[in-house]
């Protein structure tokens, strides 16, 4: 699961298009909320850099009136799906 998360997190870079970034956010949402019940839930590990990039993406979406990504992000926050780490893994 961590490998899949990392693949999507790689698309959050501002060097990617908005479509790629939003696709990554939606992909992370789907991966987290569709994990099998038989296994322990794997949280999404974010370092400070990725967290900042995600915050900037959400701020941009708010300013452009893109409410779906903002809703998904806040739902993920409320669900505790993010695990903040000090460095890279």
Protein backbone atom coordinates (compact mmCIF):
# COMPACT_ATOMS: atom_id res chain seq x y z
CA UNK A 1 0.00 0.00 0.00
CA UNK A 2 2.88 2.36 0.80
CA UNK A 3 4.25 1.89 -2.72
CA UNK A 4 0.90 2.90 -4.22
CA UNK A 5 0.69 5.95 -1.93
CA UNK A 6 4.20 6.99 -2.93
CA UNK A 7 3.33 6.70 -6.62
CA UNK A 8 0.41 9.09 -6.19
CA UNK A 9 2.36 11.45 -3.93
CA UNK A 10 4.93 11.83 -6.71
CA UNK A 11 2.25 13.47 -8.86
CA UNK A 12 1.56 16.24 -6.31
CA UNK A 13 4.61 18.19 -7.45
CA UNK A 14 3.94 21.67 -8.86
CA UNK A 15 5.98 20.63 -11.87
CA UNK A 16 2.95 18.55 -12.86
CA UNK A 17 -0.27 19.84 -14.37
CA UNK A 18 -3.30 20.64 -12.24
CA UNK A 19 -4.99 17.55 -13.66
CA UNK A 20 -2.14 15.33 -12.46
CA UNK A 21 -2.18 16.92 -9.01
CA UNK A 22 -5.94 16.56 -8.61
CA UNK A 23 -5.75 13.01 -9.95
CA UNK A 24 -3.15 12.24 -7.29
CA UNK A 25 -5.37 13.66 -4.55
CA UNK A 26 -8.39 11.68 -5.76
CA UNK A 27 -6.24 8.55 -6.07
CA UNK A 28 -4.97 8.89 -2.49
CA UNK A 29 -8.55 9.35 -1.31
CA UNK A 30 -9.72 6.23 -3.13
CA UNK A 31 -6.78 4.13 -1.97
CA UNK A 32 -7.21 5.11 1.67
CA UNK A 33 -10.97 4.65 1.87
CA UNK A 34 -11.10 1.37 -0.06
CA UNK A 35 -8.52 -0.57 1.97
CA UNK A 36 -9.62 -4.11 2.85
CA UNK A 37 -11.06 -4.54 6.35
CA UNK A 38 -9.00 -7.69 6.95
CA UNK A 39 -5.72 -5.76 7.07
CA UNK A 40 -4.60 -2.93 9.36
CA UNK A 41 -5.33 0.50 7.92
CA UNK A 42 -2.22 2.06 6.37
CA UNK A 43 -2.08 5.83 6.80
CA UNK A 44 -0.57 8.12 4.16
CA UNK A 45 2.90 9.29 5.23
CA UNK A 46 3.60 12.94 4.43
CA UNK A 47 6.79 14.86 5.07
CA UNK A 48 6.75 18.62 5.56
CA UNK A 49 7.49 19.32 1.90
CA UNK A 50 4.62 17.21 0.57
CA UNK A 51 2.28 18.59 3.24
CA UNK A 52 3.13 22.15 2.13
CA UNK A 53 2.56 21.29 -1.52
CA UNK A 54 -0.80 19.76 -0.65
CA UNK A 55 -1.77 22.86 1.35
CA UNK A 56 -0.88 25.09 -1.62
CA UNK A 57 -2.93 22.90 -3.96
CA UNK A 58 -5.96 23.10 -1.69
CA UNK A 59 -5.58 26.89 -1.34
CA UNK A 60 -5.44 27.19 -5.14
CA UNK A 61 -8.53 25.00 -5.51
CA UNK A 62 -10.41 27.19 -3.02
CA UNK A 63 -9.44 30.34 -4.90
CA UNK A 64 -10.67 28.82 -8.18
CA UNK A 65 -13.94 27.51 -6.73
CA UNK A 66 -12.97 23.84 -7.12
CA UNK A 67 -14.87 22.49 -4.14
CA UNK A 68 -14.61 18.73 -4.67
CA UNK A 69 -10.86 18.49 -3.98
CA UNK A 70 -11.25 20.76 -0.94
CA UNK A 71 -14.04 18.53 0.41
CA UNK A 72 -12.00 15.36 -0.15
CA UNK A 73 -8.96 16.86 1.55
CA UNK A 74 -10.94 17.91 4.62
CA UNK A 75 -12.63 14.52 4.80
CA UNK A 76 -9.20 12.89 4.74
CA UNK A 77 -8.01 15.24 7.49
CA UNK A 78 -11.02 14.47 9.70
CA UNK A 79 -10.52 10.74 9.14
CA UNK A 80 -6.90 10.89 10.29
CA UNK A 81 -5.52 9.36 7.14
CA UNK A 82 -2.32 11.44 7.14
CA UNK A 83 0.74 10.50 9.16
CA UNK A 84 3.23 13.35 9.40
CA UNK A 85 6.86 12.24 9.38
CA UNK A 86 10.11 14.12 9.92
CA UNK A 87 11.94 13.06 6.75
CA UNK A 88 11.73 10.90 3.70
CA UNK A 89 11.31 7.17 3.86
